[in-house]
Protein backbone atom coordinates (compact mmCIF):
# COMPACT_ATOMS: atom_id res chain seq x y z
CA MET A 1 -40.59 120.64 16.21
CA THR A 2 -38.09 119.75 13.48
CA GLU A 3 -36.11 117.55 15.87
CA LYS A 4 -39.28 115.67 16.93
CA LYS A 5 -40.24 115.09 13.29
CA GLU A 6 -36.76 113.73 12.56
CA LYS A 7 -36.98 111.33 15.52
CA SER A 8 -40.44 110.19 14.46
CA PHE A 9 -39.26 109.61 10.89
CA PHE A 10 -36.22 107.66 12.13
CA VAL A 11 -38.41 105.41 14.34
CA LYS A 12 -40.77 104.70 11.43
CA VAL A 13 -37.85 103.78 9.18
CA MET A 14 -36.40 101.41 11.82
CA MET A 15 -39.81 99.79 12.36
CA LEU A 16 -40.20 99.31 8.62
CA ILE A 17 -36.77 97.71 8.34
CA TRP A 18 -37.50 95.45 11.32
CA TYR A 19 -40.83 94.41 9.83
CA GLY A 20 -39.21 93.66 6.49
CA LEU A 21 -36.53 91.48 8.11
CA THR A 22 -38.78 89.52 10.45
CA GLN A 23 -41.82 89.03 8.23
CA PRO A 24 -40.24 86.23 6.09
CA PHE A 25 -39.31 84.32 9.24
CA VAL A 26 -42.83 84.73 10.64
CA TRP A 27 -44.32 83.45 7.38
CA LEU A 28 -41.90 80.48 7.36
CA TRP A 29 -42.73 79.65 10.99
CA ARG A 30 -46.46 79.64 10.26
CA LYS A 31 -46.00 77.35 7.27
CA LEU A 32 -43.77 74.94 9.19
CA SER A 33 -46.06 74.84 12.24
CA GLY A 34 -49.03 74.08 10.01
CA PHE A 35 -47.08 71.37 8.24
CA PHE A 36 -46.02 69.67 11.48
CA LYS A 37 -49.58 69.82 12.84
CA ARG A 38 -50.86 67.89 9.83
CA LEU A 39 -48.30 65.08 10.22
CA ASP A 40 -49.46 61.65 11.39
CA TYR A 41 -46.75 60.91 13.92
CA ARG A 42 -48.06 57.43 14.73
CA ARG A 43 -47.87 56.42 11.10
CA ILE A 44 -44.38 57.91 10.79
CA GLY A 45 -43.24 56.07 13.92
CA ASN A 46 -44.63 52.76 12.66
CA ARG A 47 -42.93 53.33 9.32
CA ILE A 48 -39.58 54.00 11.01
CA VAL A 49 -39.97 50.86 13.14
CA HIS A 50 -40.78 48.74 10.06
CA ILE A 51 -37.87 50.15 8.07
CA THR A 52 -35.48 49.54 10.98
CA GLY A 53 -36.83 46.02 11.43
CA ASP A 54 -36.47 45.24 7.72
CA PHE A 55 -32.88 46.49 7.78
CA PHE A 56 -31.97 44.33 10.81
CA HIS A 57 -33.72 41.34 9.25
CA TRP A 58 -31.79 41.75 6.01
CA LEU A 59 -28.52 42.28 7.88
CA LEU A 60 -29.02 39.14 9.97
CA PHE A 61 -30.60 36.65 7.58
CA ARG A 62 -28.85 37.75 4.40
CA VAL A 63 -25.38 38.89 5.55
CA LEU A 64 -24.29 37.92 9.07
CA LEU A 65 -25.80 34.53 9.86
CA PRO A 66 -24.30 31.43 8.24
CA LYS A 67 -26.47 29.84 5.56
CA LYS A 68 -27.46 26.88 7.73
CA TYR A 69 -29.06 29.25 10.27
CA ARG A 70 -30.92 31.50 7.81
CA LYS A 71 -33.85 29.08 7.51
CA LEU A 72 -34.56 28.95 11.22
CA SER A 73 -38.23 29.46 12.06
CA LYS A 74 -39.44 31.87 14.71
CA ARG A 75 -40.14 28.89 16.96
CA ASP A 76 -36.56 27.68 16.68
CA ILE A 77 -35.20 31.17 17.39
CA TYR A 78 -37.53 31.45 20.38
CA ARG A 79 -36.29 28.18 21.87
CA ILE A 80 -32.65 29.21 21.43
CA ILE A 81 -33.01 32.74 22.81
CA PHE A 82 -35.65 32.42 25.51
CA LYS A 83 -35.23 28.84 26.67
CA ALA A 84 -32.20 27.67 28.61
CA ASP A 85 -33.22 24.00 28.84
CA THR A 86 -31.48 22.93 25.61
CA PRO A 87 -27.76 22.80 24.75
CA ALA A 88 -28.21 25.44 22.02
CA GLY A 89 -30.08 27.75 24.38
CA LYS A 90 -27.46 27.37 27.08
CA ARG A 91 -24.62 28.06 24.67
CA PHE A 92 -26.40 31.18 23.43
CA ASP A 93 -26.99 32.53 26.95
CA VAL A 94 -23.49 31.69 28.21
CA TRP A 95 -21.85 33.37 25.22
CA LEU A 96 -23.96 36.44 25.97
CA LEU A 97 -22.60 36.43 29.51
CA VAL A 98 -19.06 36.20 28.11
CA LEU A 99 -19.70 39.19 25.83
CA ILE A 100 -21.18 41.20 28.71
CA GLY A 101 -18.06 40.49 30.78
CA LEU A 102 -15.84 41.51 27.86
CA ASN A 103 -17.81 44.75 27.50
CA LEU A 104 -17.29 45.53 31.18
CA VAL A 105 -13.53 44.98 30.82
CA VAL A 106 -13.43 47.33 27.80
CA ILE A 107 -15.27 50.08 29.70
CA MET A 108 -12.92 49.78 32.68
CA LEU A 109 -9.80 49.85 30.51
CA ASP A 110 -11.07 52.94 28.71
CA SER A 111 -11.29 54.77 32.05
CA PHE A 112 -7.46 54.70 32.42
CA ASP A 113 -5.87 57.78 30.86
CA ALA A 114 -2.80 55.95 29.55
CA VAL A 115 -4.87 53.19 27.94
CA HIS A 116 -7.36 55.70 26.56
CA ALA A 117 -4.57 57.72 24.95
CA ASN A 118 -2.92 54.72 23.25
CA ILE A 119 -5.67 52.30 22.20
CA ARG A 120 -8.75 54.47 22.43
CA TRP A 121 -9.98 53.64 18.92
CA VAL A 122 -9.45 49.91 19.40
CA LEU A 123 -11.55 49.94 22.56
CA LYS A 124 -14.14 52.11 20.85
CA GLY A 125 -14.35 49.68 17.95
CA VAL A 126 -14.75 46.66 20.26
CA GLU A 127 -17.42 48.45 22.27
CA TRP A 128 -19.45 49.37 19.20
CA LEU A 129 -19.08 45.84 17.83
CA LEU A 130 -20.54 44.50 21.07
CA THR A 131 -23.29 47.14 20.95
CA ILE A 132 -24.26 46.02 17.44
CA ILE A 133 -24.32 42.37 18.58
CA PHE A 134 -26.59 43.21 21.52
CA THR A 135 -28.81 45.31 19.25
CA LEU A 136 -29.24 42.44 16.79
CA GLU A 137 -29.93 40.07 19.67
CA TYR A 138 -32.58 42.47 21.00
CA TYR A 139 -34.17 42.55 17.54
CA LEU A 140 -34.25 38.73 17.42
CA ARG A 141 -36.01 38.65 20.78
CA ILE A 142 -38.72 40.93 19.40
CA TYR A 143 -38.85 39.21 16.01
CA CYS A 144 -39.56 35.69 17.31
CA LEU A 145 -42.45 36.67 19.61
CA ASN A 146 -46.12 36.81 18.67
CA ARG A 147 -46.73 39.54 21.25
CA PRO A 148 -43.46 41.50 21.36
CA TRP A 149 -44.88 44.35 23.46
CA LYS A 150 -45.31 41.96 26.39
CA TYR A 151 -41.57 41.33 26.33
CA ILE A 152 -40.56 44.94 25.62
CA PHE A 153 -42.32 46.23 28.75
CA SER A 154 -41.35 43.27 30.94
CA PHE A 155 -38.60 43.40 33.54
CA TYR A 156 -36.01 41.68 31.37
CA GLY A 157 -37.17 43.54 28.28
CA ILE A 158 -36.54 46.91 29.92
CA ILE A 159 -33.11 45.70 31.10
CA ASP A 160 -32.23 44.56 27.57
CA PHE A 161 -33.25 47.95 26.17
CA LEU A 162 -31.28 49.86 28.81
CA SER A 163 -28.22 47.76 27.94
CA ILE A 164 -28.06 49.19 24.39
CA PHE A 165 -29.73 52.60 24.66
CA PRO A 166 -26.85 54.46 26.45
CA ALA A 167 -24.44 53.56 23.62
CA TYR A 168 -26.61 55.35 21.05
CA LEU A 169 -27.36 58.18 23.47
CA SER A 170 -23.59 58.73 23.81
CA LEU A 171 -23.56 59.93 20.18
CA LEU A 172 -25.43 63.01 21.42
CA ILE A 173 -24.21 63.11 25.03
CA PRO A 174 -20.72 61.54 25.21
CA ALA A 175 -20.71 61.38 29.01
CA THR A 176 -23.52 58.78 28.96
CA GLN A 177 -21.20 56.20 27.42
CA THR A 178 -20.29 55.02 30.91
CA LEU A 179 -23.93 53.98 31.43
CA THR A 180 -23.33 51.00 29.18
CA VAL A 181 -22.30 49.22 32.40
CA LEU A 182 -26.07 48.71 32.78
CA ARG A 183 -25.48 45.65 30.61
CA MET A 184 -24.28 43.95 33.79
CA LEU A 185 -27.95 43.80 34.82
CA ARG A 186 -28.40 41.16 32.15
CA THR A 187 -26.32 38.79 34.25
CA LEU A 188 -29.42 38.39 36.43
CA ARG A 189 -30.37 35.69 33.96
CA ILE A 190 -27.54 33.54 35.29
CA PHE A 191 -29.92 31.87 37.78
CA ARG A 192 -32.26 30.84 34.97
CA ILE A 193 -29.43 29.81 32.64
CA PHE A 194 -27.82 27.46 35.16
CA ASN A 195 -31.14 26.15 36.51
CA MET A 196 -30.45 27.46 40.00
CA GLN A 197 -34.02 26.96 41.22
CA ARG A 198 -33.16 27.26 44.87
CA PHE A 199 -31.43 30.62 44.29
CA LEU A 200 -34.45 31.81 42.33
CA GLN A 201 -36.79 30.78 45.13
CA GLU A 202 -34.71 32.58 47.74
CA SER A 203 -34.45 35.69 45.56
CA PHE A 204 -38.22 35.85 45.22
CA ARG A 205 -38.62 35.42 48.95
CA LEU A 206 -36.21 38.30 49.53
CA LEU A 207 -38.01 40.48 46.97
CA ASN A 208 -41.37 39.76 48.59
CA ALA A 209 -39.95 40.61 52.02
CA ILE A 210 -38.52 43.90 50.72
CA ARG A 211 -41.79 44.69 48.94
CA ARG A 212 -43.75 44.30 52.16
CA SER A 213 -41.16 46.39 54.03
CA VAL A 214 -41.27 49.36 51.66
CA ALA A 215 -44.07 51.22 53.46
CA LYS A 216 -42.42 50.85 56.88
CA ILE A 217 -39.00 51.86 55.56
CA LEU A 218 -40.43 54.91 53.76
CA ILE A 219 -42.14 56.08 56.96
CA PHE A 220 -38.90 55.52 58.87
CA MET A 221 -36.88 57.45 56.26
CA LEU A 222 -39.36 60.32 56.44
CA PHE A 223 -38.81 60.66 60.18
CA VAL A 224 -35.02 60.46 59.69
CA PHE A 225 -35.22 63.20 57.05
CA ILE A 226 -37.27 65.43 59.34
CA ALA A 227 -34.87 64.78 62.21
CA ALA A 228 -31.88 65.68 59.99
CA ILE A 229 -33.48 69.00 59.01
CA ILE A 230 -34.30 69.89 62.61
CA LEU A 231 -30.87 68.89 63.94
CA GLY A 232 -29.13 70.75 61.11
CA ALA A 233 -31.08 73.91 61.85
CA ILE A 234 -30.31 73.66 65.59
CA VAL A 235 -26.59 73.19 64.98
CA TYR A 236 -26.60 76.09 62.53
CA MET A 237 -28.10 78.26 65.25
CA PHE A 238 -25.03 77.68 67.43
CA GLU A 239 -22.41 77.51 64.67
CA SER A 240 -23.45 80.46 62.47
CA GLY A 241 -20.89 83.24 62.53
CA LYS A 242 -18.37 81.01 64.33
CA ASN A 243 -17.89 78.14 61.87
CA PRO A 244 -17.24 79.08 58.22
CA ALA A 245 -17.97 75.50 57.16
CA MET A 246 -21.60 75.93 58.26
CA SER A 247 -22.39 79.17 56.48
CA ASN A 248 -26.01 78.19 55.73
CA ILE A 249 -28.69 75.76 56.82
CA PRO A 250 -28.38 73.34 53.82
CA LYS A 251 -24.70 72.74 54.73
CA ALA A 252 -25.73 72.12 58.32
CA ILE A 253 -28.37 69.62 57.10
CA TYR A 254 -25.69 67.92 55.01
CA TRP A 255 -23.56 67.60 58.16
CA ALA A 256 -26.55 66.15 60.05
CA VAL A 257 -27.22 63.52 57.35
CA VAL A 258 -23.54 62.52 57.17
CA THR A 259 -23.36 62.25 60.97
CA ILE A 260 -26.67 60.48 61.58
CA THR A 261 -25.79 57.83 58.97
CA THR A 262 -22.41 57.32 60.71
CA VAL A 263 -20.56 58.05 57.44
CA GLY A 264 -18.50 60.85 58.94
CA TYR A 265 -16.62 62.44 56.04
CA GLY A 266 -15.04 64.98 58.42
CA ASP A 267 -15.23 67.86 55.93
CA ILE A 268 -17.69 69.71 58.20
CA SER A 269 -17.60 69.53 61.99
CA PRO A 270 -18.90 71.74 64.83
CA VAL A 271 -16.46 73.99 66.67
CA THR A 272 -18.63 75.35 69.49
CA PRO A 273 -19.16 73.35 72.72
CA MET A 274 -22.92 73.24 72.21
CA GLY A 275 -22.50 72.12 68.58
CA GLN A 276 -20.14 69.34 69.66
CA PHE A 277 -22.61 68.21 72.33
CA ILE A 278 -25.38 67.99 69.74
CA SER A 279 -22.98 66.15 67.45
CA MET A 280 -22.42 63.54 70.14
CA ILE A 281 -26.17 63.01 70.50
CA VAL A 282 -26.58 62.69 66.73
CA MET A 283 -23.81 60.06 66.56
CA LEU A 284 -25.43 57.95 69.26
CA LEU A 285 -28.79 58.40 67.55
CA GLY A 286 -27.27 57.22 64.29
CA TYR A 287 -26.09 53.93 65.78
CA SER A 288 -29.56 53.24 67.15
CA ILE A 289 -31.20 54.13 63.84
CA ILE A 290 -29.09 51.79 61.67
CA ALA A 291 -30.66 48.67 63.18
CA VAL A 292 -34.26 49.73 62.44
CA PRO A 293 -34.50 49.11 58.65
CA THR A 294 -32.36 45.98 59.01
CA GLY A 295 -34.74 44.60 61.62
CA ILE A 296 -37.75 45.40 59.44
CA VAL A 297 -36.39 43.51 56.43
CA VAL A 298 -35.17 40.58 58.56
CA GLY A 299 -38.56 40.27 60.23
CA GLU A 300 -40.39 40.28 56.91
CA THR A 301 -37.92 37.73 55.51
CA ILE A 302 -38.62 35.37 58.40
CA ASN A 303 -42.37 35.82 57.91
CA GLU A 304 -41.99 35.17 54.18
CA PHE A 305 -40.06 31.96 54.82
CA LYS A 306 -42.59 30.68 57.38
CA HIS A 307 -45.53 31.63 55.16
CA ASN A 308 -44.27 29.98 51.96
CA LYS A 309 -42.42 26.92 53.30
CA PRO A 310 -44.55 23.83 52.67
CA ALA A 311 -45.04 21.31 55.43
CA GLY A 312 -42.32 18.68 55.46
CA GLU A 313 -39.97 20.57 53.15
CA SER A 314 -36.34 19.68 53.74
CA ASP A 315 -33.29 21.73 52.88
CA ASP A 316 -32.25 19.45 50.02
CA MET A 317 -35.65 19.48 48.30
CA VAL A 318 -35.96 21.04 44.87
CA PRO A 319 -38.39 23.99 44.97
CA GLU A 320 -41.62 22.85 43.40
CA ASP A 321 -42.91 26.20 42.25
CA PHE A 322 -39.89 27.54 40.40
CA ASP A 323 -39.26 25.27 37.45
CA GLU A 324 -39.30 27.72 34.59
CA TYR A 325 -39.37 31.50 34.23
CA ASP A 326 -40.53 33.47 31.28
CA GLU A 327 -38.95 36.78 30.21
CA SER A 328 -41.42 38.86 32.24
CA GLY A 329 -40.07 37.27 35.43
CA GLU A 330 -43.27 35.32 36.09
CA CYS A 331 -43.04 31.77 37.36
CA LYS A 332 -44.76 28.98 35.47
CA ALA A 333 -44.63 25.27 36.09
CA ALA A 334 -42.85 23.29 33.39
CA GLY A 335 -45.21 20.98 31.53
CA GLY A 336 -48.42 22.44 32.94
CA GLU A 337 -50.05 21.43 36.20
CA ARG A 338 -48.20 19.35 38.79
CA LYS A 339 -49.02 15.69 38.94
CA ALA A 340 -49.86 14.11 42.27
CA GLU A 341 -48.53 10.97 43.82
CA SER A 342 -50.95 8.29 45.09
CA GLY A 343 -53.88 10.65 44.68
CA GLU A 344 -52.93 12.63 47.75
CA GLY A 345 -51.84 15.79 45.94
CA ALA A 346 -48.20 15.46 46.92
CA ALA A 347 -45.81 17.34 44.65
CA VAL A 348 -43.55 15.36 42.29
CA ALA A 349 -39.86 16.08 42.91
CA ALA A 350 -38.21 17.33 39.74
CA ARG A 351 -35.20 15.56 38.24
CA PHE A 352 -32.45 17.02 36.11
CA CYS A 353 -30.39 16.24 33.05
CA THR A 354 -26.73 16.52 33.99
CA HIS A 355 -25.78 17.17 30.36
CA CYS A 356 -28.10 19.91 29.09
CA GLY A 357 -29.66 21.05 32.38
CA HIS A 358 -33.28 20.29 31.45
CA THR A 359 -35.72 20.04 34.38
CA GLU A 360 -38.00 17.02 34.03
CA THR A 361 -41.17 16.68 36.16
CA ASP A 362 -42.68 13.62 34.49
CA PRO A 363 -42.52 10.87 37.18
CA ASP A 364 -42.25 8.13 34.53
CA ALA A 365 -39.38 9.69 32.56
CA LYS A 366 -35.96 8.09 32.96
CA PHE A 367 -34.10 9.83 30.14
CA CYS A 368 -33.83 13.50 29.05
CA ARG A 369 -36.28 14.28 26.25
CA TYR A 370 -33.70 16.53 24.51
CA CYS A 371 -30.37 14.70 24.70
CA GLY A 372 -31.21 11.22 26.03
CA THR A 373 -29.00 11.44 29.12
CA VAL A 374 -30.09 9.52 32.23
CA LEU A 375 -31.92 11.87 34.61
CA SER A 376 -30.55 12.62 38.07
CA LYS A 377 -32.01 13.99 41.29
CA SER A 378 -29.05 16.33 41.79
CA GLN A 379 -28.60 19.80 40.34
CA PRO A 380 -27.18 19.81 36.78
CA SER A 381 -23.54 20.74 36.46
CA GLY A 382 -21.93 18.24 34.10
CA TRP A 383 -22.96 20.15 30.98
CA ILE A 384 -20.48 22.87 31.89
CA ASN A 385 -17.58 20.45 31.36
CA ASP A 386 -18.59 19.66 27.77
CA PHE A 387 -20.05 23.06 26.96
CA PHE A 388 -17.19 24.18 24.72
CA SER A 389 -16.86 20.74 23.17
CA GLY A 390 -19.98 21.40 21.08
CA GLU A 391 -21.69 18.15 22.03
């Protein structure tokens, strides 16, 4: 009885000590949880966004920009950043491409051990300088728009965000620093910057063809996936216990996928006669499968070209529906609706300024409205020669 009483007393003492140690933490947790429940997170988020925006605005228009550029209106900033039909807009976009290329070179150099050991901090400084430049440029894109959310959630807006987000994420997860190569996606603007309307037209045709092929390709990939599982399980049945490389079904499925796609790493291969016979069948099946998705996309591309090619269009015609692209990737005709010739509804062929690259659709215009250069029917290219001259 005495021993039981001593054990009971010891348990009560331990429970009392435990209660005394944990009770303050329980009380603190309840207070903190109640405090966080009462917070207005939307208001806090808006406040953080406004403070960040005010800081970037002060940094740009009070510190970094030269005095002659600090009085630029939102309209002027919009034309420089979003429009590539003026000399200033082209210079802005081309310099961005130069900085993106420089950033890619820095990332590649940093991947070499010898370079990383010697000039790691120099490369790090250049990379963060470029990140700050791209961040300020992203802020200017939001600042000059009346409806910034339309740009933020557009195709190019998401790309611009992904080009700067990995750099800040690398402060928490260093391995994500390599993802800054996503800035190369911003070079997709090169077609808009250089007024490559024909390339834009063909890219949209290809995208439309791929979009219509997605359902067929997904169904095809489902059957290939099912076939890989079945073939992997069959080979495992013959190879188990005889081939250490195929010790389980997932490894056998991996072998089936590598074989059916004709990749053939060679790290896993059957050793039994029956497994090698099945392997031969899978190889032949792989060659016949490769042509299926290619044929689907090619067929849809041909249909897209036949469906969208206007009657009488020649190969040297300027596409009439791809004059100007906004940041959401949507096509819009420059200067509003197309004018017709002779009342028959025929499209007016666009002409170009060989100096600044502006696309002019006014049939009566003989000179560029921005720089006064004589308009030409050929694609603009002369502005590249005097780009760095500052004219």
